């Protein structure tokens, strides 16, 4: 997987080895320190630190940085949100921008909530609007033609639950394969949830540009063109039930809680946030970017002779602070094909430092995932990483300056100088967790032994190494449990295994 996704091919046909890849990244990003007056000695130290945390599998930046840092291609981030405003010029300018960004390797998020409902009059053409879902299909088809560096780009479409065409949006992926290049999520509001819970029998009214109206059923011809619409008497509870039914049937739509997002918006004077990146971990202003990286928690276990293994907090602090500096330096070297994106990234300097390997950490500490001890450790870990991240961002602000949009942020109100508008996140870490052979994100391992097949038919075989170590330590033969694991992915049915072992795994 690493060879296919991340190791560069040279002009002579040879390919990087992993150590060369890490040296390329660490050297390119450490050189940023010269822009701020860093001496040769300091730059060399930072390069060593960057290389060390990657080589020890303690941290890695996200895929686009791994591929592009120090390479001939432009350095870009995975996560961007773009605006889709209610004009033909705006819709297709954004499509052009999106195509260029997808080609470079970025994942994109869009809100289709600003587009007028299907059947609404259009002044210039003196016709009627085909509605947001028609333009979603145009975007979907365009993105299907673009292949970015060996893979198709990921996209997120969001629509507010109070948009008149919300039912059309809810149902747009019911036919498998109709919209292949988007995840979809409904933008839930506090008002809607209040109606679902406390007013289940009251009719729900949509809202577009301040005008209240009934939600609509969009009528389409066989070719998909809009022929009209019917206004519906429907409650918030019925809409919610339909949403849940869709999520149960094929996993979509997801939901995003927009009012909650904006309550914790670090840049409230920059405007409201209406969309997120494809995996839903980054809610961003229009044209904003988040460059991601993840700490591998499984690498921070101190194994003491007779005592229970413990978390290496000192090393975790060093890694978190090194990671923030590395990701901050990524921003200085990033350059997008859409200038507004580059400008916004450098104005906000958002970072998304996340984690992976949490389940594998728990295996090593003999802690059950869904236990009070597991929850307590999760909370302690993230509080620790958040604190370390804030400390180093404050230090960088003193030495390198605050982010340019600082005066639009909550940090100005608090009187705290920060280098970055945001610092931490929880991302799913698909490719990079495979690269480091660790559990993804904060999720449990869904199987102890499995075969993963990618879209190109390549197969990757996995046996959890901590499970194998624990079997060997207890003198349990792998072959004795293998049949059950192959069948179910789990050891829960093997009651002859010790209970504490089954709890841990």
Protein backbone atom coordinates (compact mmCIF):
# COMPACT_ATOMS: atom_id res chain seq x y z
CA UNK A 1 0.00 0.00 0.00
CA UNK A 2 2.81 2.45 0.86
CA UNK A 3 4.56 1.67 -2.41
CA UNK A 4 1.37 2.27 -4.36
CA UNK A 5 0.24 5.44 -2.58
CA UNK A 6 3.20 7.29 -1.12
CA UNK A 7 6.66 6.30 -2.37
CA UNK A 8 7.78 8.51 -5.25
CA UNK A 9 8.82 7.13 -8.61
CA UNK A 10 12.01 8.67 -9.97
CA UNK A 11 12.59 9.56 -13.62
CA UNK A 12 14.87 6.53 -14.02
CA UNK A 13 12.04 4.20 -12.96
CA UNK A 14 13.40 3.48 -9.47
CA UNK A 15 11.27 4.14 -6.39
CA UNK A 16 11.84 5.62 -2.96
CA UNK A 17 12.21 3.41 0.07
CA UNK A 18 10.36 4.47 3.25
CA UNK A 19 13.44 6.05 4.89
CA UNK A 20 13.99 8.21 1.80
CA UNK A 21 10.33 9.26 1.88
CA UNK A 22 10.62 10.35 5.51
CA UNK A 23 13.90 12.16 4.83
CA UNK A 24 12.27 14.01 1.92
CA UNK A 25 9.36 15.16 4.10
CA UNK A 26 11.40 16.12 7.17
CA UNK A 27 14.02 18.04 5.16
CA UNK A 28 11.47 19.99 3.08
CA UNK A 29 9.41 21.00 6.12
CA UNK A 30 12.36 21.79 8.40
CA UNK A 31 13.70 24.22 5.78
CA UNK A 32 10.68 26.45 6.56
CA UNK A 33 12.46 27.45 9.79
CA UNK A 34 14.96 29.45 7.70
CA UNK A 35 12.11 31.76 6.67
CA UNK A 36 11.85 32.78 10.33
CA UNK A 37 15.59 33.22 10.95
CA UNK A 38 16.41 29.66 11.98
CA UNK A 39 20.15 28.84 12.00
CA UNK A 40 21.69 25.83 10.23
CA UNK A 41 22.01 24.13 13.60
CA UNK A 42 18.34 24.76 14.50
CA UNK A 43 17.08 23.62 11.09
CA UNK A 44 19.13 20.42 11.38
CA UNK A 45 17.68 19.75 14.87
CA UNK A 46 14.10 20.25 13.65
CA UNK A 47 14.72 18.00 10.65
CA UNK A 48 16.03 15.32 13.02
CA UNK A 49 12.94 15.66 15.25
CA UNK A 50 10.57 15.42 12.27
CA UNK A 51 12.35 12.36 10.91
CA UNK A 52 12.47 10.67 14.30
CA UNK A 53 8.72 10.85 15.05
CA UNK A 54 7.93 9.47 11.61
CA UNK A 55 10.61 6.76 11.67
CA UNK A 56 9.41 5.55 15.08
CA UNK A 57 5.84 5.40 13.71
CA UNK A 58 4.76 7.89 16.37
CA UNK A 59 3.31 10.43 13.94
CA UNK A 60 2.66 10.98 10.27
CA UNK A 61 1.16 13.88 8.34
CA UNK A 62 -1.81 13.10 6.10
CA UNK A 63 -1.54 11.47 2.71
CA UNK A 64 -1.22 14.54 0.51
CA UNK A 65 1.68 15.84 2.62
CA UNK A 66 3.39 12.44 2.61
CA UNK A 67 3.11 12.29 -1.18
CA UNK A 68 3.94 15.90 -2.05
CA UNK A 69 6.28 17.39 0.60
CA UNK A 70 9.68 17.88 -1.01
CA UNK A 71 8.40 16.41 -4.30
CA UNK A 72 8.03 18.16 -7.66
CA UNK A 73 4.24 18.39 -7.25
CA UNK A 74 2.60 21.23 -5.30
CA UNK A 75 2.01 20.59 -1.60
CA UNK A 76 -1.74 20.53 -0.89
CA UNK A 77 -4.03 19.49 1.97
CA UNK A 78 -6.74 16.83 1.99
CA UNK A 79 -9.64 18.94 3.28
CA UNK A 80 -11.24 22.01 1.68
CA UNK A 81 -14.74 23.54 1.71
CA UNK A 82 -15.93 25.55 -1.31
CA UNK A 83 -19.01 27.78 -1.70
CA UNK A 84 -21.87 27.05 -4.09
CA UNK A 85 -23.89 30.26 -4.36
CA UNK A 86 -27.19 30.82 -6.18
CA UNK A 87 -26.07 31.93 -9.64
CA UNK A 88 -25.00 30.08 -12.76
CA UNK A 89 -21.65 31.89 -12.70
CA UNK A 90 -21.06 30.95 -9.06
CA UNK A 91 -22.07 27.31 -9.53
CA UNK A 92 -19.76 26.72 -12.47
CA UNK A 93 -16.86 28.82 -11.17
CA UNK A 94 -16.86 26.60 -8.09
CA UNK A 95 -17.05 23.50 -10.29
CA UNK A 96 -13.96 24.70 -12.17
CA UNK A 97 -12.11 25.42 -8.90
CA UNK A 98 -13.18 22.05 -7.53
CA UNK A 99 -11.95 20.19 -10.61
CA UNK A 100 -8.49 21.77 -10.28
CA UNK A 101 -8.30 20.98 -6.56
CA UNK A 102 -9.49 17.40 -7.08
CA UNK A 103 -6.88 16.89 -9.77
CA UNK A 104 -4.23 17.94 -7.23
CA UNK A 105 -5.50 15.45 -4.65
CA UNK A 106 -7.78 17.39 -2.31
CA UNK A 107 -11.07 16.20 -0.84
CA UNK A 108 -13.88 18.75 -0.96
CA UNK A 109 -17.02 19.73 0.94
CA UNK A 110 -19.95 21.79 -0.34
CA UNK A 111 -23.27 23.11 0.95
CA UNK A 112 -26.07 22.96 -1.60
CA UNK A 113 -28.37 24.87 0.77
CA UNK A 114 -27.88 28.25 -0.94
CA UNK A 115 -29.35 27.07 -4.27
CA UNK A 116 -32.98 27.96 -4.92
CA UNK A 117 -35.56 25.14 -4.79
CA UNK A 118 -36.54 23.24 -7.92
CA UNK A 119 -39.33 24.98 -9.81
CA UNK A 120 -38.39 28.47 -8.61
CA UNK A 121 -38.40 31.20 -11.28
CA UNK A 122 -35.05 32.25 -12.80
CA UNK A 123 -34.90 35.91 -13.84
CA UNK A 124 -32.28 35.80 -16.59
CA UNK A 125 -33.62 32.80 -18.52
CA UNK A 126 -37.25 33.46 -17.55
CA UNK A 127 -37.54 29.75 -16.84
CA UNK A 128 -37.54 27.70 -13.66
CA UNK A 129 -34.71 26.30 -11.57
CA UNK A 130 -33.84 22.62 -11.84
CA UNK A 131 -32.93 22.66 -8.12
CA UNK A 132 -29.91 21.73 -6.00
CA UNK A 133 -29.99 17.97 -6.74
CA UNK A 134 -29.65 18.57 -10.48
CA UNK A 135 -26.46 20.52 -9.84
CA UNK A 136 -25.27 17.87 -7.39
CA UNK A 137 -25.57 15.40 -10.26
CA UNK A 138 -23.59 17.71 -12.56
CA UNK A 139 -20.80 17.92 -9.97
CA UNK A 140 -20.94 14.16 -9.42
CA UNK A 141 -20.54 13.44 -13.13
CA UNK A 142 -17.65 15.89 -13.49
CA UNK A 143 -15.78 14.42 -10.52
CA UNK A 144 -16.24 10.94 -11.92
CA UNK A 145 -14.04 11.97 -14.85
CA UNK A 146 -11.15 13.09 -12.65
CA UNK A 147 -8.68 10.67 -11.18
CA UNK A 148 -6.28 12.18 -8.68
CA UNK A 149 -2.89 10.54 -8.26
CA UNK A 150 -4.18 6.98 -8.47
CA UNK A 151 -7.56 7.47 -6.78
CA UNK A 152 -10.87 9.28 -7.10
CA UNK A 153 -11.40 12.31 -4.89
CA UNK A 154 -13.79 12.23 -1.98
CA UNK A 155 -16.57 14.82 -1.67
CA UNK A 156 -19.23 15.82 0.83
CA UNK A 157 -22.57 17.40 -0.04
CA UNK A 158 -24.51 19.07 2.79
CA UNK A 159 -28.07 20.41 2.71
CA UNK A 160 -29.87 22.11 5.57
CA UNK A 161 -32.89 20.23 6.88
CA UNK A 162 -35.01 23.37 6.45
CA UNK A 163 -34.34 23.64 2.70
CA UNK A 164 -37.56 23.11 0.67
CA UNK A 165 -35.88 20.34 -1.41
CA UNK A 166 -34.65 18.37 1.60
CA UNK A 167 -36.69 15.27 0.65
CA UNK A 168 -35.16 15.25 -2.83
CA UNK A 169 -31.74 15.38 -1.14
CA UNK A 170 -32.62 12.61 1.33
CA UNK A 171 -33.56 10.30 -1.52
CA UNK A 172 -30.85 11.20 -4.05
CA UNK A 173 -28.69 8.17 -3.21
CA UNK A 174 -31.45 5.58 -2.82
CA UNK A 175 -30.59 4.20 -6.23
CA UNK A 176 -27.20 2.54 -5.79
CA UNK A 177 -24.55 4.10 -8.03
CA UNK A 178 -26.60 7.18 -8.98
CA UNK A 179 -24.32 9.57 -7.11
CA UNK A 180 -21.05 7.71 -6.70
CA UNK A 181 -18.62 10.52 -5.96
CA UNK A 182 -20.26 12.15 -2.94
CA UNK A 183 -21.03 11.40 0.66
CA UNK A 184 -24.18 13.26 1.70
CA UNK A 185 -25.14 14.72 5.07
CA UNK A 186 -28.20 16.59 6.28
CA UNK A 187 -27.50 19.82 8.15
CA UNK A 188 -29.55 19.41 11.32
CA UNK A 189 -30.60 22.50 13.30
CA UNK A 190 -31.56 22.88 16.95
CA UNK A 191 -35.02 24.05 15.83
CA UNK A 192 -35.54 20.83 13.86
CA UNK A 193 -34.47 18.56 16.72
CA UNK A 194 -36.71 20.50 19.09
CA UNK A 195 -39.62 19.83 16.69
CA UNK A 196 -38.74 16.12 16.36
CA UNK A 197 -38.71 15.66 20.14
CA UNK A 198 -41.37 18.05 21.39
CA UNK A 199 -43.65 18.73 18.40
CA UNK A 200 -43.81 15.37 16.55
CA UNK A 201 -47.32 16.01 15.18
CA UNK A 202 -46.78 19.62 14.08
CA UNK A 203 -46.21 20.31 10.37
CA UNK A 204 -42.63 21.28 9.49
CA UNK A 205 -42.08 24.37 7.35
CA UNK A 206 -39.00 24.88 5.23
CA UNK A 207 -37.29 28.24 4.86
CA UNK A 208 -35.53 29.77 1.86
CA UNK A 209 -34.20 33.34 1.97
CA UNK A 210 -36.46 34.11 4.92
CA UNK A 211 -39.64 32.82 3.26
CA UNK A 212 -41.46 29.96 5.00
CA UNK A 213 -42.85 27.25 2.72
CA UNK A 214 -43.83 23.60 2.77
CA UNK A 215 -41.22 20.94 1.90
CA UNK A 216 -41.61 19.68 -1.66
CA UNK A 217 -41.74 16.42 -3.53
CA UNK A 218 -39.85 17.06 -6.80
CA UNK A 219 -41.41 15.49 -9.89
CA UNK A 220 -38.99 14.29 -12.57
CA UNK A 221 -39.20 12.85 -16.06
CA UNK A 222 -37.44 9.57 -16.89
CA UNK A 223 -34.35 11.49 -18.03
CA UNK A 224 -34.17 13.18 -14.60
CA UNK A 225 -35.37 16.62 -15.70
CA UNK A 226 -37.71 18.44 -13.31
CA UNK A 227 -41.34 18.57 -14.45
CA UNK A 228 -42.83 20.13 -11.33
CA UNK A 229 -43.30 19.72 -7.61
CA UNK A 230 -45.92 18.96 -4.97
CA UNK A 231 -46.04 20.74 -1.62
CA UNK A 232 -46.26 18.26 1.26
CA UNK A 233 -47.81 18.25 4.69
CA UNK A 234 -45.05 16.54 6.66
CA UNK A 235 -43.79 16.71 10.23
CA UNK A 236 -40.19 17.01 11.43
CA UNK A 237 -40.61 13.55 12.97
CA UNK A 238 -41.55 12.06 9.58
CA UNK A 239 -38.56 13.70 7.91
CA UNK A 240 -36.32 12.38 10.69
CA UNK A 241 -37.76 8.87 10.29
CA UNK A 242 -37.04 8.99 6.56
CA UNK A 243 -33.48 10.12 7.28
CA UNK A 244 -32.96 7.25 9.72
CA UNK A 245 -34.43 4.76 7.24
CA UNK A 246 -31.95 5.91 4.58
CA UNK A 247 -29.00 5.69 6.98
CA UNK A 248 -30.08 2.19 8.01
CA UNK A 249 -30.61 1.00 4.42
CA UNK A 250 -27.30 2.08 2.85
CA UNK A 251 -25.40 4.24 5.34
CA UNK A 252 -26.55 7.58 3.98
CA UNK A 253 -27.37 10.33 4.62
CA UNK A 254 -25.20 11.25 7.56
CA UNK A 255 -26.03 14.21 9.77
CA UNK A 256 -24.12 17.34 10.76
CA UNK A 257 -25.28 19.52 13.64
CA UNK A 258 -24.76 22.97 12.15
CA UNK A 259 -25.84 25.04 15.17
CA UNK A 260 -23.44 23.08 17.38
CA UNK A 261 -20.64 23.60 14.85
CA UNK A 262 -21.15 27.35 14.86
CA UNK A 263 -21.28 27.55 18.65
CA UNK A 264 -17.65 26.38 18.67
CA UNK A 265 -16.60 28.25 15.51
CA UNK A 266 -13.11 29.64 16.32
CA UNK A 267 -13.58 32.44 13.75
CA UNK A 268 -17.12 33.74 14.37
CA UNK A 269 -16.44 37.11 12.71
CA UNK A 270 -15.42 35.35 9.50
CA UNK A 271 -19.01 34.16 9.12
CA UNK A 272 -21.05 31.00 9.63
CA UNK A 273 -19.81 27.55 8.68
CA UNK A 274 -22.17 25.55 6.46
CA UNK A 275 -20.23 22.47 5.32
CA UNK A 276 -17.52 19.99 6.19
CA UNK A 277 -14.86 17.91 4.50
CA UNK A 278 -15.67 14.45 2.99
CA UNK A 279 -15.20 12.48 6.22
CA UNK A 280 -16.94 15.03 8.42
CA UNK A 281 -14.12 15.80 10.86
CA UNK A 282 -13.41 19.34 9.62
CA UNK A 283 -16.03 22.10 9.49
CA UNK A 284 -14.54 24.96 7.50
CA UNK A 285 -15.39 28.41 6.16
CA UNK A 286 -15.60 28.78 2.38
CA UNK A 287 -12.16 28.28 0.78
CA UNK A 288 -10.66 27.23 4.09
CA UNK A 289 -8.36 24.26 4.45
CA UNK A 290 -7.27 21.94 7.20
CA UNK A 291 -4.02 20.12 6.89
CA UNK A 292 -4.14 16.93 8.91
CA UNK A 293 -1.74 14.60 10.69
CA UNK A 294 -2.14 11.85 13.27
CA UNK A 295 -0.31 10.56 16.32
CA UNK A 296 -0.12 6.77 16.54
CA UNK A 297 -1.09 6.17 20.18
CA UNK A 298 -0.07 2.51 19.93
CA UNK A 299 3.59 3.64 19.85
CA UNK A 300 3.49 5.20 23.35
CA UNK A 301 3.60 2.21 25.66
CA UNK A 302 6.32 1.84 28.29
CA UNK A 303 6.80 -1.85 29.05
CA UNK A 304 8.26 -2.21 32.52
CA UNK A 305 9.72 -5.48 33.83
CA UNK A 306 7.10 -6.62 36.37
CA UNK A 307 4.70 -3.69 36.35
CA UNK A 308 1.68 -3.14 34.13
CA UNK A 309 2.52 -1.33 30.86
CA UNK A 310 1.82 2.44 31.00
CA UNK A 311 1.52 5.37 28.61
CA UNK A 312 4.79 7.20 27.92
CA UNK A 313 3.47 10.69 28.62
CA UNK A 314 6.83 12.44 28.17
CA UNK A 315 7.33 11.03 24.71
CA UNK A 316 3.71 11.77 23.79
CA UNK A 317 4.20 15.43 24.74
CA UNK A 318 7.36 15.67 22.62
CA UNK A 319 5.61 14.06 19.65
CA UNK A 320 2.51 16.27 19.90
CA UNK A 321 4.61 19.44 20.00
CA UNK A 322 6.84 18.25 17.15
CA UNK A 323 3.75 17.36 15.10
CA UNK A 324 2.19 20.81 15.56
CA UNK A 325 5.38 22.50 14.38
CA UNK A 326 5.58 20.17 11.37
CA UNK A 327 1.95 20.78 10.39
CA UNK A 328 2.35 24.53 10.86
CA UNK A 329 5.31 24.40 8.48
CA UNK A 330 3.19 22.51 5.93
CA UNK A 331 1.06 25.66 5.65
CA UNK A 332 4.06 27.77 4.65
CA UNK A 333 4.91 25.42 1.78
CA UNK A 334 1.36 24.73 0.55
CA UNK A 335 0.25 26.10 -2.79
CA UNK A 336 -3.16 25.39 -4.31
CA UNK A 337 -4.30 25.79 -7.90
CA UNK A 338 -7.05 28.11 -6.62
CA UNK A 339 -5.43 31.25 -5.13
CA UNK A 340 -8.35 31.96 -2.74
CA UNK A 341 -7.71 28.60 -1.07
CA UNK A 342 -4.01 29.33 -0.55
CA UNK A 343 -4.86 32.78 0.86
CA UNK A 344 -7.46 31.44 3.29
CA UNK A 345 -5.22 28.60 4.46
CA UNK A 346 -2.45 31.05 5.31
CA UNK A 347 -4.86 33.51 6.90
CA UNK A 348 -6.28 30.93 9.36
CA UNK A 349 -3.42 28.42 9.64
CA UNK A 350 -5.79 25.63 10.70
CA UNK A 351 -4.26 22.37 11.86
CA UNK A 352 -5.98 19.05 12.47
CA UNK A 353 -3.75 16.98 14.73
CA UNK A 354 -5.58 13.73 15.41
CA UNK A 355 -4.88 10.24 16.67
CA UNK A 356 -4.93 6.66 15.49
CA UNK A 357 -3.97 3.40 17.13
CA UNK A 358 -6.23 3.92 20.14
CA UNK A 359 -7.62 0.37 20.02
CA UNK A 360 -4.11 -1.06 19.67
CA UNK A 361 -2.99 1.04 22.65
CA UNK A 362 -5.77 -0.49 24.74
CA UNK A 363 -4.73 -4.00 23.68
CA UNK A 364 -1.23 -3.37 25.04
CA UNK A 365 -2.56 -1.90 28.29
CA UNK A 366 -5.09 -4.76 28.71
CA UNK A 367 -8.00 -2.33 28.84
CA UNK A 368 -11.44 -3.17 27.48
CA UNK A 369 -12.48 -0.68 24.79
CA UNK A 370 -16.04 -0.01 26.02
CA UNK A 371 -15.19 0.26 29.70
CA UNK A 372 -15.03 3.09 32.22
CA UNK A 373 -11.24 2.74 32.20
CA UNK A 374 -11.20 2.97 28.41
CA UNK A 375 -13.36 6.11 28.40
CA UNK A 376 -11.25 7.73 31.12
CA UNK A 377 -8.03 7.07 29.22
CA UNK A 378 -9.50 8.48 25.99
CA UNK A 379 -10.47 11.68 27.78
CA UNK A 380 -7.08 11.99 29.48
CA UNK A 381 -5.18 11.41 26.23
CA UNK A 382 -7.06 14.00 24.21
CA UNK A 383 -6.93 16.60 26.99
CA UNK A 384 -3.17 16.02 27.18
CA UNK A 385 -2.67 16.35 23.41
CA UNK A 386 -4.90 19.44 23.30
CA UNK A 387 -2.91 21.12 26.08
CA UNK A 388 0.45 20.30 24.47
CA UNK A 389 -0.84 21.60 21.11
CA UNK A 390 -2.03 24.87 22.61
CA UNK A 391 1.27 25.39 24.42
CA UNK A 392 3.36 25.00 21.28
CA UNK A 393 0.96 27.12 19.18
CA UNK A 394 1.36 29.93 21.74
CA UNK A 395 5.16 29.54 21.61
CA UNK A 396 5.11 29.68 17.80
CA UNK A 397 2.88 32.76 17.89
CA UNK A 398 5.50 34.57 20.00
CA UNK A 399 8.33 33.62 17.63
CA UNK A 400 6.60 33.63 14.23
CA UNK A 401 3.47 35.74 14.75
CA UNK A 402 -0.24 35.04 15.16
CA UNK A 403 -2.36 33.84 12.24
CA UNK A 404 -3.49 36.81 10.06
CA UNK A 405 -7.22 36.39 10.87
CA UNK A 406 -6.47 36.46 14.61
CA UNK A 407 -8.65 39.56 15.12
CA UNK A 408 -11.68 37.63 13.81
CA UNK A 409 -11.13 34.83 16.29
CA UNK A 410 -12.21 33.82 19.79
CA UNK A 411 -8.53 33.94 20.84
CA UNK A 412 -8.42 37.72 20.49
CA UNK A 413 -11.43 37.91 22.82
CA UNK A 414 -9.59 35.74 25.35
CA UNK A 415 -6.35 37.69 25.03
CA UNK A 416 -4.40 34.55 24.04
CA UNK A 417 -1.93 34.76 21.16
CA UNK A 418 -2.11 31.68 18.92
CA UNK A 419 -0.33 30.66 15.76
CA UNK A 420 -3.27 28.57 14.53
CA UNK A 421 -7.04 29.09 14.44
CA UNK A 422 -7.62 25.41 15.29
CA UNK A 423 -5.36 22.58 16.38
CA UNK A 424 -6.91 19.16 16.95
CA UNK A 425 -9.39 16.85 15.26
CA UNK A 426 -10.52 13.22 15.11
CA UNK A 427 -10.02 11.90 11.58
CA UNK A 428 -10.60 8.34 10.28
CA UNK A 429 -6.96 7.84 9.08
CA UNK A 430 -7.64 5.26 6.39
CA UNK A 431 -4.44 5.06 4.32
CA UNK A 432 -2.01 6.33 6.94
CA UNK A 433 -3.16 3.84 9.59
CA UNK A 434 -2.60 1.07 7.04
CA UNK A 435 0.84 2.52 6.35
CA UNK A 436 1.75 2.42 10.06
CA UNK A 437 -0.04 -0.92 10.58
CA UNK A 438 -2.18 0.43 13.40
CA UNK A 439 -5.88 0.66 14.22
CA UNK A 440 -7.69 3.52 12.48
CA UNK A 441 -8.71 6.70 14.26
CA UNK A 442 -10.37 6.15 17.64
CA UNK A 443 -12.31 3.13 16.40
CA UNK A 444 -12.10 -0.40 17.74
CA UNK A 445 -10.59 -3.04 15.50
CA UNK A 446 -13.52 -4.65 13.71
CA UNK A 447 -11.68 -7.93 13.18
CA UNK A 448 -8.47 -9.46 14.53
CA UNK A 449 -7.63 -11.17 11.24
CA UNK A 450 -8.94 -10.04 7.87
CA UNK A 451 -8.19 -9.42 4.20
CA UNK A 452 -8.68 -5.93 2.77
CA UNK A 453 -9.25 -5.52 -0.96
CA UNK A 454 -8.95 -2.07 -2.54
CA UNK A 455 -10.88 -0.82 -5.57
CA UNK A 456 -8.12 -2.04 -7.91
CA UNK A 457 -8.41 -5.60 -6.60
CA UNK A 458 -5.20 -5.57 -4.56
CA UNK A 459 -5.48 -7.65 -1.39
CA UNK A 460 -3.80 -6.89 1.94
CA UNK A 461 -3.74 -9.53 4.70
CA UNK A 462 -3.83 -8.42 8.34
CA UNK A 463 -3.35 -10.26 11.63
CA UNK A 464 -3.31 -7.96 14.64
CA UNK A 465 0.23 -8.11 15.98
CA UNK A 466 -0.75 -7.33 19.59
CA UNK A 467 -3.26 -10.16 19.52
CA UNK A 468 -0.57 -12.51 18.21
CA UNK A 469 1.87 -11.35 20.94
CA UNK A 470 -0.74 -11.88 23.66
CA UNK A 471 -1.50 -15.41 22.40
CA UNK A 472 2.20 -16.28 22.46
CA UNK A 473 2.66 -14.79 25.94
CA UNK A 474 -0.20 -16.95 27.28
CA UNK A 475 0.93 -20.04 25.38
CA UNK A 476 -2.20 -20.20 23.23
CA UNK A 477 -1.76 -21.68 19.76
CA UNK A 478 -2.89 -19.27 17.02
CA UNK A 479 -4.13 -22.16 14.86
CA UNK A 480 -6.48 -23.19 17.69
CA UNK A 481 -8.36 -19.88 17.48
CA UNK A 482 -7.80 -19.05 13.82
CA UNK A 483 -10.87 -20.83 12.43
CA UNK A 484 -13.17 -18.84 14.72
CA UNK A 485 -11.44 -15.55 13.87
CA UNK A 486 -11.65 -16.20 10.14
CA UNK A 487 -15.36 -17.00 10.54
CA UNK A 488 -16.41 -14.15 12.87
CA UNK A 489 -13.40 -11.83 13.25
CA UNK A 490 -13.72 -12.21 17.01
CA UNK A 491 -12.81 -14.43 19.97
CA UNK A 492 -15.94 -13.69 21.99
CA UNK A 493 -17.49 -17.10 21.34
CA UNK A 494 -14.41 -19.01 22.55
CA UNK A 495 -15.45 -19.34 26.18
CA UNK A 496 -12.45 -21.51 27.03
CA UNK A 497 -10.24 -18.42 26.60
CA UNK A 498 -9.70 -16.39 29.82
CA UNK A 499 -12.33 -13.69 30.32
CA UNK A 500 -9.80 -10.85 30.75
CA UNK A 501 -8.25 -11.88 27.41
CA UNK A 502 -11.65 -11.82 25.68
CA UNK A 503 -12.43 -8.47 27.32
CA UNK A 504 -9.23 -6.92 26.01
CA UNK A 505 -9.62 -8.30 22.48
